[in-house]
PDB file of N, CA and C in Angstrom:
ATOM      1  N   MET A   1      46.117  -5.322  77.470  1.00  0.00           N
ATOM      2  CA  MET A   1      46.098  -4.929  76.076  1.00  0.00           C
ATOM      3  C   MET A   1      47.475  -4.406  75.685  1.00  0.00           C
ATOM      4  N   ALA A   2      47.972  -4.876  74.574  1.00  0.00           N
ATOM      5  CA  ALA A   2      49.284  -4.448  74.079  1.00  0.00           C
ATOM      6  C   ALA A   2      49.191  -3.034  73.521  1.00  0.00           C
ATOM      7  N   THR A   3      50.211  -2.246  73.800  1.00  0.00           N
ATOM      8  CA  THR A   3      50.286  -0.892  73.260  1.00  0.00           C
ATOM      9  C   THR A   3      51.533  -0.782  72.404  1.00  0.00           C
ATOM     10  N   THR A   4      51.634   0.272  71.618  1.00  0.00           N
ATOM     11  CA  THR A   4      52.810   0.475  70.775  1.00  0.00           C
ATOM     12  C   THR A   4      54.072   0.469  71.611  1.00  0.00           C
ATOM     13  N   GLU A   5      54.032   1.108  72.783  1.00  0.00           N
ATOM     14  CA  GLU A   5      55.201   1.196  73.639  1.00  0.00           C
ATOM     15  C   GLU A   5      55.707  -0.172  74.088  1.00  0.00           C
ATOM     16  N   SER A   6      54.838  -1.165  74.193  1.00  0.00           N
ATOM     17  CA  SER A   6      55.268  -2.489  74.645  1.00  0.00           C
ATOM     18  C   SER A   6      56.096  -3.217  73.598  1.00  0.00           C
ATOM     19  N   PHE A   7      56.100  -2.728  72.350  1.00  0.00           N
ATOM     20  CA  PHE A   7      56.859  -3.366  71.288  1.00  0.00           C
ATOM     21  C   PHE A   7      58.098  -2.577  70.882  1.00  0.00           C
ATOM     22  N   LEU A   8      58.288  -1.386  71.424  1.00  0.00           N
ATOM     23  CA  LEU A   8      59.403  -0.535  71.034  1.00  0.00           C
ATOM     24  C   LEU A   8      60.623  -0.809  71.897  1.00  0.00           C
ATOM     25  N   VAL A   9      61.799  -0.691  71.296  1.00  0.00           N
ATOM     26  CA  VAL A   9      63.050  -0.845  72.032  1.00  0.00           C
ATOM     27  C   VAL A   9      63.833   0.460  71.932  1.00  0.00           C
ATOM     28  N   PRO A  10      64.597   0.813  72.987  1.00  0.00           N
ATOM     29  CA  PRO A  10      65.275   2.105  72.989  1.00  0.00           C
ATOM     30  C   PRO A  10      66.466   2.209  72.039  1.00  0.00           C
ATOM     31  N   ASP A  11      67.170   1.123  71.762  1.00  0.00           N
ATOM     32  CA  ASP A  11      68.346   1.144  70.894  1.00  0.00           C
ATOM     33  C   ASP A  11      67.880   0.879  69.468  1.00  0.00           C
ATOM     34  N   VAL A  12      67.813   1.925  68.647  1.00  0.00           N
ATOM     35  CA  VAL A  12      67.157   1.807  67.352  1.00  0.00           C
ATOM     36  C   VAL A  12      68.139   1.802  66.187  1.00  0.00           C
ATOM     37  N   PRO A  13      67.776   1.137  65.085  1.00  0.00           N
ATOM     38  CA  PRO A  13      68.598   1.189  63.875  1.00  0.00           C
ATOM     39  C   PRO A  13      68.674   2.619  63.347  1.00  0.00           C
ATOM     40  N   ASP A  14      69.725   2.910  62.608  1.00  0.00           N
ATOM     41  CA  ASP A  14      69.936   4.228  62.038  1.00  0.00           C
ATOM     42  C   ASP A  14      69.198   4.331  60.706  1.00  0.00           C
ATOM     43  N   LEU A  15      67.998   4.940  60.718  1.00  0.00           N
ATOM     44  CA  LEU A  15      67.265   5.171  59.486  1.00  0.00           C
ATOM     45  C   LEU A  15      66.274   6.303  59.692  1.00  0.00           C
ATOM     46  N   ASP A  16      66.004   7.029  58.619  1.00  0.00           N
ATOM     47  CA  ASP A  16      65.046   8.127  58.643  1.00  0.00           C
ATOM     48  C   ASP A  16      63.921   7.778  57.673  1.00  0.00           C
ATOM     49  N   PRO A  17      62.731   7.472  58.187  1.00  0.00           N
ATOM     50  CA  PRO A  17      61.624   7.083  57.312  1.00  0.00           C
ATOM     51  C   PRO A  17      61.252   8.154  56.284  1.00  0.00           C
ATOM     52  N   ASN A  18      61.548   9.422  56.577  1.00  0.00           N
ATOM     53  CA  ASN A  18      61.177  10.497  55.661  1.00  0.00           C
ATOM     54  C   ASN A  18      62.106  10.602  54.454  1.00  0.00           C
ATOM     55  N   THR A  19      63.311  10.053  54.551  1.00  0.00           N
ATOM     56  CA  THR A  19      64.251  10.111  53.433  1.00  0.00           C
ATOM     57  C   THR A  19      64.619   8.728  52.907  1.00  0.00           C
ATOM     58  N   PHE A  20      64.064   7.668  53.503  1.00  0.00           N
ATOM     59  CA  PHE A  20      64.391   6.302  53.097  1.00  0.00           C
ATOM     60  C   PHE A  20      63.947   6.066  51.656  1.00  0.00           C
ATOM     61  N   GLY A  21      64.797   5.376  50.888  1.00  0.00           N
ATOM     62  CA  GLY A  21      64.454   5.095  49.501  1.00  0.00           C
ATOM     63  C   GLY A  21      65.292   3.981  48.920  1.00  0.00           C
ATOM     64  N   HIS A  22      65.227   3.832  47.614  1.00  0.00           N
ATOM     65  CA  HIS A  22      65.879   2.730  46.900  1.00  0.00           C
ATOM     66  C   HIS A  22      67.382   2.649  47.174  1.00  0.00           C
ATOM     67  N   ASP A  23      68.038   3.798  47.296  1.00  0.00           N
ATOM     68  CA  ASP A  23      69.488   3.803  47.487  1.00  0.00           C
ATOM     69  C   ASP A  23      69.921   3.875  48.948  1.00  0.00           C
ATOM     70  N   SER A  24      68.993   3.733  49.873  1.00  0.00           N
ATOM     71  CA  SER A  24      69.369   3.746  51.288  1.00  0.00           C
ATOM     72  C   SER A  24      70.257   2.552  51.587  1.00  0.00           C
ATOM     73  N   GLY A  25      71.136   2.730  52.520  1.00  0.00           N
ATOM     74  CA  GLY A  25      72.071   1.669  52.867  1.00  0.00           C
ATOM     75  C   GLY A  25      71.467   0.622  53.783  1.00  0.00           C
ATOM     76  N   ALA A  26      72.342  -0.177  54.340  1.00  0.00           N
ATOM     77  CA  ALA A  26      71.927  -1.270  55.215  1.00  0.00           C
ATOM     78  C   ALA A  26      71.254  -0.726  56.469  1.00  0.00           C
ATOM     79  N   VAL A  27      70.271  -1.457  56.962  1.00  0.00           N
ATOM     80  CA  VAL A  27      69.610  -1.153  58.223  1.00  0.00           C
ATOM     81  C   VAL A  27      69.941  -2.312  59.154  1.00  0.00           C
ATOM     82  N   THR A  28      70.831  -2.049  60.104  1.00  0.00           N
ATOM     83  CA  THR A  28      71.264  -3.089  61.042  1.00  0.00           C
ATOM     84  C   THR A  28      70.280  -3.178  62.193  1.00  0.00           C
ATOM     85  N   LEU A  29      69.793  -4.382  62.461  1.00  0.00           N
ATOM     86  CA  LEU A  29      68.923  -4.571  63.611  1.00  0.00           C
ATOM     87  C   LEU A  29      69.779  -4.564  64.867  1.00  0.00           C
ATOM     88  N   THR A  30      69.395  -3.727  65.826  1.00  0.00           N
ATOM     89  CA  THR A  30      70.187  -3.580  67.040  1.00  0.00           C
ATOM     90  C   THR A  30      69.696  -4.472  68.181  1.00  0.00           C
ATOM     91  N   ASP A  31      68.417  -4.806  68.175  1.00  0.00           N
ATOM     92  CA  ASP A  31      67.872  -5.608  69.268  1.00  0.00           C
ATOM     93  C   ASP A  31      66.553  -6.267  68.844  1.00  0.00           C
ATOM     94  N   PRO A  32      66.613  -7.294  67.966  1.00  0.00           N
ATOM     95  CA  PRO A  32      65.364  -7.949  67.560  1.00  0.00           C
ATOM     96  C   PRO A  32      64.633  -8.531  68.763  1.00  0.00           C
ATOM     97  N   THR A  33      63.308  -8.366  68.780  1.00  0.00           N
ATOM     98  CA  THR A  33      62.508  -8.800  69.920  1.00  0.00           C
ATOM     99  C   THR A  33      61.389  -9.765  69.562  1.00  0.00           C
ATOM    100  N   HIS A  34      61.172 -10.014  68.271  1.00  0.00           N
ATOM    101  CA  HIS A  34      60.065 -10.868  67.840  1.00  0.00           C
ATOM    102  C   HIS A  34      60.539 -11.866  66.788  1.00  0.00           C
ATOM    103  N   ASP A  35      59.908 -13.022  66.778  1.00  0.00           N
ATOM    104  CA  ASP A  35      60.158 -14.057  65.764  1.00  0.00           C
ATOM    105  C   ASP A  35      58.918 -14.127  64.881  1.00  0.00           C
ATOM    106  N   ILE A  36      58.957 -13.440  63.722  1.00  0.00           N
ATOM    107  CA  ILE A  36      57.741 -13.406  62.905  1.00  0.00           C
ATOM    108  C   ILE A  36      57.619 -14.557  61.919  1.00  0.00           C
ATOM    109  N   ASP A  37      58.725 -15.272  61.672  1.00  0.00           N
ATOM    110  CA  ASP A  37      58.609 -16.383  60.727  1.00  0.00           C
ATOM    111  C   ASP A  37      58.520 -17.744  61.414  1.00  0.00           C
ATOM    112  N   GLY A  38      58.525 -17.746  62.739  1.00  0.00           N
ATOM    113  CA  GLY A  38      58.289 -18.975  63.485  1.00  0.00           C
ATOM    114  C   GLY A  38      59.434 -19.961  63.515  1.00  0.00           C
ATOM    115  N   ASP A  39      60.666 -19.530  63.211  1.00  0.00           N
ATOM    116  CA  ASP A  39      61.798 -20.458  63.209  1.00  0.00           C
ATOM    117  C   ASP A  39      62.546 -20.501  64.538  1.00  0.00           C
ATOM    118  N   GLY A  40      62.055 -19.779  65.539  1.00  0.00           N
ATOM    119  CA  GLY A  40      62.683 -19.796  66.857  1.00  0.00           C
ATOM    120  C   GLY A  40      63.788 -18.769  67.023  1.00  0.00           C
ATOM    121  N   VAL A  41      64.057 -17.965  65.998  1.00  0.00           N
ATOM    122  CA  VAL A  41      65.106 -16.949  66.055  1.00  0.00           C
ATOM    123  C   VAL A  41      64.449 -15.569  66.066  1.00  0.00           C
ATOM    124  N   LEU A  42      64.862 -14.706  67.016  1.00  0.00           N
ATOM    125  CA  LEU A  42      64.341 -13.345  67.039  1.00  0.00           C
ATOM    126  C   LEU A  42      64.846 -12.614  65.796  1.00  0.00           C
ATOM    127  N   ASP A  43      63.919 -12.114  64.974  1.00  0.00           N
ATOM    128  CA  ASP A  43      64.298 -11.552  63.680  1.00  0.00           C
ATOM    129  C   ASP A  43      63.682 -10.194  63.371  1.00  0.00           C
ATOM    130  N   THR A  44      62.871  -9.675  64.264  1.00  0.00           N
ATOM    131  CA  THR A  44      62.141  -8.448  63.959  1.00  0.00           C
ATOM    132  C   THR A  44      62.223  -7.465  65.113  1.00  0.00           C
ATOM    133  N   GLN A  45      62.365  -6.201  64.744  1.00  0.00           N
ATOM    134  CA  GLN A  45      62.471  -5.118  65.710  1.00  0.00           C
ATOM    135  C   GLN A  45      61.494  -4.026  65.304  1.00  0.00           C
ATOM    136  N   THR A  46      60.754  -3.500  66.260  1.00  0.00           N
ATOM    137  CA  THR A  46      59.839  -2.394  66.032  1.00  0.00           C
ATOM    138  C   THR A  46      60.427  -1.166  66.709  1.00  0.00           C
ATOM    139  N   VAL A  47      60.533  -0.057  65.952  1.00  0.00           N
ATOM    140  CA  VAL A  47      61.152   1.145  66.505  1.00  0.00           C
ATOM    141  C   VAL A  47      60.290   2.372  66.249  1.00  0.00           C
ATOM    142  N   ASP A  48      60.360   3.317  67.163  1.00  0.00           N
ATOM    143  CA  ASP A  48      59.732   4.613  67.013  1.00  0.00           C
ATOM    144  C   ASP A  48      60.758   5.517  66.358  1.00  0.00           C
ATOM    145  N   ALA A  49      60.504   5.939  65.127  1.00  0.00           N
ATOM    146  CA  ALA A  49      61.454   6.763  64.378  1.00  0.00           C
ATOM    147  C   ALA A  49      60.876   8.152  64.161  1.00  0.00           C
ATOM    148  N   GLY A  50      60.547   8.831  65.227  1.00  0.00           N
ATOM    149  CA  GLY A  50      59.989  10.179  65.118  1.00  0.00           C
ATOM    150  C   GLY A  50      58.520  10.138  64.779  1.00  0.00           C
ATOM    151  N   ASP A  51      58.182  10.509  63.544  1.00  0.00           N
ATOM    152  CA  ASP A  51      56.774  10.538  63.147  1.00  0.00           C
ATOM    153  C   ASP A  51      56.326   9.240  62.474  1.00  0.00           C
ATOM    154  N   ALA A  52      57.074   8.150  62.678  1.00  0.00           N
ATOM    155  CA  ALA A  52      56.714   6.863  62.074  1.00  0.00           C
ATOM    156  C   ALA A  52      57.124   5.717  62.994  1.00  0.00           C
ATOM    157  N   VAL A  53      56.410   4.623  62.858  1.00  0.00           N
ATOM    158  CA  VAL A  53      56.801   3.374  63.496  1.00  0.00           C
ATOM    159  C   VAL A  53      57.375   2.505  62.386  1.00  0.00           C
ATOM    160  N   VAL A  54      58.535   1.916  62.628  1.00  0.00           N
ATOM    161  CA  VAL A  54      59.205   1.082  61.633  1.00  0.00           C
ATOM    162  C   VAL A  54      59.279  -0.342  62.167  1.00  0.00           C
ATOM    163  N   ILE A  55      58.872  -1.297  61.353  1.00  0.00           N
ATOM    164  CA  ILE A  55      58.987  -2.716  61.680  1.00  0.00           C
ATOM    165  C   ILE A  55      60.037  -3.272  60.738  1.00  0.00           C
ATOM    166  N   ALA A  56      61.191  -3.654  61.294  1.00  0.00           N
ATOM    167  CA  ALA A  56      62.319  -4.134  60.495  1.00  0.00           C
ATOM    168  C   ALA A  56      62.534  -5.614  60.774  1.00  0.00           C
ATOM    169  N   SER A  57      62.648  -6.415  59.720  1.00  0.00           N
ATOM    170  CA  SER A  57      62.822  -7.864  59.860  1.00  0.00           C
ATOM    171  C   SER A  57      64.074  -8.338  59.134  1.00  0.00           C
ATOM    172  N   ASP A  58      64.819  -9.220  59.788  1.00  0.00           N
ATOM    173  CA  ASP A  58      66.023  -9.838  59.223  1.00  0.00           C
ATOM    174  C   ASP A  58      65.750 -11.325  59.086  1.00  0.00           C
ATOM    175  N   LEU A  59      65.189 -11.723  57.956  1.00  0.00           N
ATOM    176  CA  LEU A  59      64.772 -13.112  57.794  1.00  0.00           C
ATOM    177  C   LEU A  59      65.880 -14.045  57.341  1.00  0.00           C
ATOM    178  N   ASP A  60      67.040 -13.502  56.915  1.00  0.00           N
ATOM    179  CA  ASP A  60      68.148 -14.379  56.536  1.00  0.00           C
ATOM    180  C   ASP A  60      69.241 -14.422  57.611  1.00  0.00           C
ATOM    181  N   SER A  61      68.978 -13.814  58.759  1.00  0.00           N
ATOM    182  CA  SER A  61      69.853 -13.890  59.945  1.00  0.00           C
ATOM    183  C   SER A  61      71.267 -13.365  59.718  1.00  0.00           C
ATOM    184  N   ASP A  62      71.405 -12.316  58.891  1.00  0.00           N
ATOM    185  CA  ASP A  62      72.738 -11.740  58.691  1.00  0.00           C
ATOM    186  C   ASP A  62      72.940 -10.450  59.486  1.00  0.00           C
ATOM    187  N   GLY A  63      71.938 -10.060  60.295  1.00  0.00           N
ATOM    188  CA  GLY A  63      72.048  -8.869  61.122  1.00  0.00           C
ATOM    189  C   GLY A  63      71.514  -7.616  60.473  1.00  0.00           C
ATOM    190  N   GLU A  64      71.182  -7.679  59.174  1.00  0.00           N
ATOM    191  CA  GLU A  64      70.650  -6.528  58.457  1.00  0.00           C
ATOM    192  C   GLU A  64      69.216  -6.812  58.021  1.00  0.00           C
ATOM    193  N   ALA A  65      68.385  -5.779  58.093  1.00  0.00           N
ATOM    194  CA  ALA A  65      66.979  -5.936  57.722  1.00  0.00           C
ATOM    195  C   ALA A  65      66.844  -6.310  56.249  1.00  0.00           C
ATOM    196  N   ASP A  66      65.929  -7.226  55.972  1.00  0.00           N
ATOM    197  CA  ASP A  66      65.577  -7.626  54.604  1.00  0.00           C
ATOM    198  C   ASP A  66      64.245  -7.002  54.203  1.00  0.00           C
ATOM    199  N   HIS A  67      63.395  -6.778  55.194  1.00  0.00           N
ATOM    200  CA  HIS A  67      62.057  -6.233  54.984  1.00  0.00           C
ATOM    201  C   HIS A  67      61.838  -5.080  55.958  1.00  0.00           C
ATOM    202  N   LEU A  68      61.237  -3.992  55.475  1.00  0.00           N
ATOM    203  CA  LEU A  68      60.865  -2.858  56.327  1.00  0.00           C
ATOM    204  C   LEU A  68      59.427  -2.484  56.048  1.00  0.00           C
ATOM    205  N   ARG A  69      58.694  -2.192  57.105  1.00  0.00           N
ATOM    206  CA  ARG A  69      57.361  -1.633  56.986  1.00  0.00           C
ATOM    207  C   ARG A  69      57.372  -0.344  57.794  1.00  0.00           C
ATOM    208  N   MET A  70      56.853   0.737  57.219  1.00  0.00           N
ATOM    209  CA  MET A  70      56.838   2.038  57.885  1.00  0.00           C
ATOM    210  C   MET A  70      55.413   2.558  57.918  1.00  0.00           C
ATOM    211  N   ILE A  71      54.971   2.925  59.106  1.00  0.00           N
ATOM    212  CA  ILE A  71      53.633   3.476  59.277  1.00  0.00           C
ATOM    213  C   ILE A  71      53.816   4.868  59.876  1.00  0.00           C
ATOM    214  N   HIS A  72      53.491   5.881  59.089  1.00  0.00           N
ATOM    215  CA  HIS A  72      53.656   7.273  59.519  1.00  0.00           C
ATOM    216  C   HIS A  72      52.443   7.727  60.316  1.00  0.00           C
ATOM    217  N   GLU A  73      52.649   8.746  61.148  1.00  0.00           N
ATOM    218  CA  GLU A  73      51.563   9.210  61.998  1.00  0.00           C
ATOM    219  C   GLU A  73      50.383   9.765  61.198  1.00  0.00           C
ATOM    220  N   ASP A  74      50.606  10.164  59.935  1.00  0.00           N
ATOM    221  CA  ASP A  74      49.502  10.645  59.103  1.00  0.00           C
ATOM    222  C   ASP A  74      48.771   9.502  58.400  1.00  0.00           C
ATOM    223  N   GLY A  75      49.174   8.247  58.679  1.00  0.00           N
ATOM    224  CA  GLY A  75      48.524   7.082  58.097  1.00  0.00           C
ATOM    225  C   GLY A  75      49.216   6.541  56.854  1.00  0.00           C
ATOM    226  N   ALA A  76      50.216   7.252  56.343  1.00  0.00           N
ATOM    227  CA  ALA A  76      50.949   6.761  55.166  1.00  0.00           C
ATOM    228  C   ALA A  76      51.680   5.471  55.528  1.00  0.00           C
ATOM    229  N   TYR A  77      51.723   4.542  54.577  1.00  0.00           N
ATOM    230  CA  TYR A  77      52.329   3.228  54.800  1.00  0.00           C
ATOM    231  C   TYR A  77      53.249   2.902  53.632  1.00  0.00           C
ATOM    232  N   SER A  78      54.400   2.337  53.934  1.00  0.00           N
ATOM    233  CA  SER A  78      55.259   1.830  52.866  1.00  0.00           C
ATOM    234  C   SER A  78      55.884   0.525  53.319  1.00  0.00           C
ATOM    235  N   SER A  79      56.182  -0.311  52.360  1.00  0.00           N
ATOM    236  CA  SER A  79      56.780  -1.610  52.624  1.00  0.00           C
ATOM    237  C   SER A  79      57.939  -1.796  51.654  1.00  0.00           C
ATOM    238  N   TRP A  80      59.092  -2.215  52.165  1.00  0.00           N
ATOM    239  CA  TRP A  80      60.318  -2.336  51.378  1.00  0.00           C
ATOM    240  C   TRP A  80      60.930  -3.713  51.550  1.00  0.00           C
ATOM    241  N   ILE A  81      61.577  -4.203  50.506  1.00  0.00           N
ATOM    242  CA  ILE A  81      62.325  -5.457  50.558  1.00  0.00           C
ATOM    243  C   ILE A  81      63.685  -5.192  49.917  1.00  0.00           C
ATOM    244  N   ILE A  82      64.730  -5.806  50.465  1.00  0.00           N
ATOM    245  CA  ILE A  82      66.065  -5.646  49.887  1.00  0.00           C
ATOM    246  C   ILE A  82      66.191  -6.607  48.716  1.00  0.00           C
ATOM    247  N   ALA A  83      66.718  -6.125  47.614  1.00  0.00           N
ATOM    248  CA  ALA A  83      66.891  -6.968  46.433  1.00  0.00           C
ATOM    249  C   ALA A  83      68.112  -7.852  46.618  1.00  0.00           C
ATOM    250  N   THR A  84      67.925  -9.136  46.459  1.00  0.00           N
ATOM    251  CA  THR A  84      69.038 -10.097  46.478  1.00  0.00           C
ATOM    252  C   THR A  84      68.863 -11.020  45.291  1.00  0.00           C
ATOM    253  N   ALA A  85      69.872 -11.798  45.036  1.00  0.00           N
ATOM    254  CA  ALA A  85      69.796 -12.725  43.908  1.00  0.00           C
ATOM    255  C   ALA A  85      68.677 -13.732  44.091  1.00  0.00           C
ATOM    256  N   THR A  86      68.286 -14.001  45.344  1.00  0.00           N
ATOM    257  CA  THR A  86      67.278 -15.022  45.600  1.00  0.00           C
ATOM    258  C   THR A  86      66.097 -14.513  46.404  1.00  0.00           C
ATOM    259  N   ALA A  87      66.005 -13.196  46.618  1.00  0.00           N
ATOM    260  CA  ALA A  87      64.930 -12.669  47.469  1.00  0.00           C
ATOM    261  C   ALA A  87      63.568 -12.910  46.842  1.00  0.00           C
ATOM    262  N   SER A  88      62.618 -13.271  47.670  1.00  0.00           N
ATOM    263  CA  SER A  88      61.244 -13.388  47.205  1.00  0.00           C
ATOM    264  C   SER A  88      60.314 -13.100  48.362  1.00  0.00           C
ATOM    265  N   CYS A  89      59.137 -12.695  48.034  1.00  0.00           N
ATOM    266  CA  CYS A  89      58.136 -12.408  49.050  1.00  0.00           C
ATOM    267  C   CYS A  89      56.868 -13.130  48.634  1.00  0.00           C
ATOM    268  N   THR A  90      56.358 -13.961  49.503  1.00  0.00           N
ATOM    269  CA  THR A  90      55.138 -14.684  49.170  1.00  0.00           C
ATOM    270  C   THR A  90      54.122 -14.419  50.260  1.00  0.00           C
ATOM    271  N   GLY A  91      52.955 -14.912  50.106  1.00  0.00           N
ATOM    272  CA  GLY A  91      51.910 -14.708  51.091  1.00  0.00           C
ATOM    273  C   GLY A  91      50.757 -13.985  50.432  1.00  0.00           C
ATOM    274  N   SER A  92      50.246 -12.953  51.117  1.00  0.00           N
ATOM    275  CA  SER A  92      49.095 -12.239  50.578  1.00  0.00           C
ATOM    276  C   SER A  92      49.483 -11.340  49.417  1.00  0.00           C
ATOM    277  N   ARG A  93      50.772 -11.108  49.224  1.00  0.00           N
ATOM    278  CA  ARG A  93      51.234 -10.278  48.106  1.00  0.00           C
ATOM    279  C   ARG A  93      51.703 -11.198  46.972  1.00  0.00           C
ATOM    280  N   PRO A  94      51.664 -10.703  45.746  1.00  0.00           N
ATOM    281  CA  PRO A  94      52.179 -11.524  44.647  1.00  0.00           C
ATOM    282  C   PRO A  94      53.670 -11.763  44.793  1.00  0.00           C
ATOM    283  N   MET A  95      54.160 -12.821  44.202  1.00  0.00           N
ATOM    284  CA  MET A  95      55.575 -13.170  44.256  1.00  0.00           C
ATOM    285  C   MET A  95      56.414 -12.046  43.668  1.00  0.00           C
ATOM    286  N   VAL A  96      57.471 -11.686  44.359  1.00  0.00           N
ATOM    287  CA  VAL A  96      58.407 -10.674  43.871  1.00  0.00           C
ATOM    288  C   VAL A  96      59.763 -11.341  43.771  1.00  0.00           C
ATOM    289  N   ALA A  97      60.318 -11.420  42.592  1.00  0.00           N
ATOM    290  CA  ALA A  97      61.644 -11.997  42.412  1.00  0.00           C
ATOM    291  C   ALA A  97      62.543 -10.905  41.864  1.00  0.00           C
ATOM    292  N   LEU A  98      63.642 -10.634  42.542  1.00  0.00           N
ATOM    293  CA  LEU A  98      64.519  -9.534  42.187  1.00  0.00           C
ATOM    294  C   LEU A  98      65.923 -10.050  41.961  1.00  0.00           C
ATOM    295  N   SER A  99      66.626  -9.463  40.994  1.00  0.00           N
ATOM    296  CA  SER A  99      67.988  -9.889  40.754  1.00  0.00           C
ATOM    297  C   SER A  99      68.939  -8.713  40.893  1.00  0.00           C
ATOM    298  N   VAL A 100      70.186  -9.018  41.205  1.00  0.00           N
ATOM    299  CA  VAL A 100      71.215  -8.006  41.395  1.00  0.00           C
ATOM    300  C   VAL A 100      72.096  -7.981  40.154  1.00  0.00           C
ATOM    301  N   THR A 101      72.333  -6.807  39.612  1.00  0.00           N
ATOM    302  CA  THR A 101      73.239  -6.675  38.483  1.00  0.00           C
ATOM    303  C   THR A 101      74.564  -6.134  38.982  1.00  0.00           C
ATOM    304  N   ALA A 102      75.622  -6.321  38.197  1.00  0.00           N
ATOM    305  CA  ALA A 102      76.938  -5.801  38.579  1.00  0.00           C
ATOM    306  C   ALA A 102      76.882  -4.291  38.766  1.00  0.00           C
ATOM    307  N   GLU A 103      76.117  -3.610  37.932  1.00  0.00           N
ATOM    308  CA  GLU A 103      76.002  -2.154  38.051  1.00  0.00           C
ATOM    309  C   GLU A 103      75.410  -1.760  39.398  1.00  0.00           C
ATOM    310  N   ARG A 104      74.380  -2.455  39.837  1.00  0.00           N
ATOM    311  CA  ARG A 104      73.766  -2.143  41.127  1.00  0.00           C
ATOM    312  C   ARG A 104      74.699  -2.490  42.277  1.00  0.00           C
ATOM    313  N   LEU A 105      75.503  -3.526  42.135  1.00  0.00           N
ATOM    314  CA  LEU A 105      76.430  -3.883  43.198  1.00  0.00           C
ATOM    315  C   LEU A 105      77.534  -2.845  43.367  1.00  0.00           C
ATOM    316  N   ARG A 106      77.795  -2.058  42.321  1.00  0.00           N
ATOM    317  CA  ARG A 106      78.798  -0.998  42.435  1.00  0.00           C
ATOM    318  C   ARG A 106      78.264   0.203  43.205  1.00  0.00           C
ATOM    319  N   ASN A 107      76.978   0.233  43.480  1.00  0.00           N
ATOM    320  CA  ASN A 107      76.396   1.307  44.274  1.00  0.00           C
ATOM    321  C   ASN A 107      77.106   1.334  45.621  1.00  0.00           C
ATOM    322  N   PRO A 108      77.521   2.508  46.102  1.00  0.00           N
ATOM    323  CA  PRO A 108      78.270   2.570  47.361  1.00  0.00           C
ATOM    324  C   PRO A 108      77.497   2.062  48.569  1.00  0.00           C
ATOM    325  N   HIS A 109      76.173   1.985  48.484  1.00  0.00           N
ATOM    326  CA  HIS A 109      75.378   1.482  49.607  1.00  0.00           C
ATOM    327  C   HIS A 109      75.149  -0.020  49.539  1.00  0.00           C
ATOM    328  N   SER A 110      75.621  -0.664  48.489  1.00  0.00           N
ATOM    329  CA  SER A 110      75.387  -2.099  48.315  1.00  0.00           C
ATOM    330  C   SER A 110      76.293  -2.916  49.220  1.00  0.00           C
ATOM    331  N   ARG A 111      75.849  -4.096  49.549  1.00  0.00           N
ATOM    332  CA  ARG A 111      76.665  -5.082  50.236  1.00  0.00           C
ATOM    333  C   ARG A 111      76.788  -6.270  49.307  1.00  0.00           C
ATOM    334  N   PRO A 112      77.890  -7.015  49.347  1.00  0.00           N
ATOM    335  CA  PRO A 112      78.034  -8.161  48.455  1.00  0.00           C
ATOM    336  C   PRO A 112      76.810  -9.082  48.541  1.00  0.00           C
ATOM    337  N   GLY A 113      76.247  -9.403  47.397  1.00  0.00           N
ATOM    338  CA  GLY A 113      75.098 -10.298  47.346  1.00  0.00           C
ATOM    339  C   GLY A 113      73.766  -9.620  47.572  1.00  0.00           C
ATOM    340  N   LYS A 114      73.785  -8.319  47.919  1.00  0.00           N
ATOM    341  CA  LYS A 114      72.532  -7.604  48.156  1.00  0.00           C
ATOM    342  C   LYS A 114      72.478  -6.388  47.264  1.00  0.00           C
ATOM    343  N   GLY A 115      71.297  -6.080  46.817  1.00  0.00           N
ATOM    344  CA  GLY A 115      71.117  -4.929  45.943  1.00  0.00           C
ATOM    345  C   GLY A 115      70.349  -3.828  46.633  1.00  0.00           C
ATOM    346  N   PRO A 116      69.728  -2.966  45.863  1.00  0.00           N
ATOM    347  CA  PRO A 116      69.016  -1.818  46.426  1.00  0.00           C
ATOM    348  C   PRO A 116      67.672  -2.234  47.038  1.00  0.00           C
ATOM    349  N   TRP A 117      67.116  -1.341  47.808  1.00  0.00           N
ATOM    350  CA  TRP A 117      65.787  -1.547  48.380  1.00  0.00           C
ATOM    351  C   TRP A 117      64.751  -1.396  47.272  1.00  0.00           C
ATOM    352  N   GLN A 118      63.730  -2.224  47.303  1.00  0.00           N
ATOM    353  CA  GLN A 118      62.634  -2.174  46.351  1.00  0.00           C
ATOM    354  C   GLN A 118      61.331  -2.006  47.137  1.00  0.00           C
ATOM    355  N   ARG A 119      60.497  -1.070  46.705  1.00  0.00           N
ATOM    356  CA  ARG A 119      59.210  -0.891  47.363  1.00  0.00           C
ATOM    357  C   ARG A 119      58.237  -1.925  46.825  1.00  0.00           C
ATOM    358  N   TYR A 120      57.458  -2.531  47.702  1.00  0.00           N
ATOM    359  CA  TYR A 120      56.447  -3.490  47.247  1.00  0.00           C
ATOM    360  C   TYR A 120      55.178  -3.338  48.025  1.00  0.00           C
TER     361      TYR A 120
END
C-alpha cells in the first residue's frame, strides 16, 4: 500500500503554503517524480511543506510549476494555476482562460510570458 512518505522527496521547492497567494513568485520543481499527463516526461513533485502536502506540476516543461494543489493537515484544500497568455485547465473543472496584461508583467514576481497565480 502506498503511503504519503513514498511520494515525498527530500529536496523541496521553496514555498510556504500558509502565505502562498496571487503574488507569490515562481515555484521551481527540484526533483519531479511523476508523469501526470502521460507524455513520458516527469512533471510533478509531491512535497511535505510542514503542515501541508503540496503537489506541484510543471506541464509546460520549463522547470517551474504551472499548477499547485495544497492539502493542509486540517483538511483545507487549495488549487492554483499560473496565469499565462495561453493557460487553460480542462477536465472535471470548467475551462479557465487567463490573460497577462502589461501591468501584471511589471509585478516583480512575474516571469516573461507568465502572470500571477490564480486560485481555481
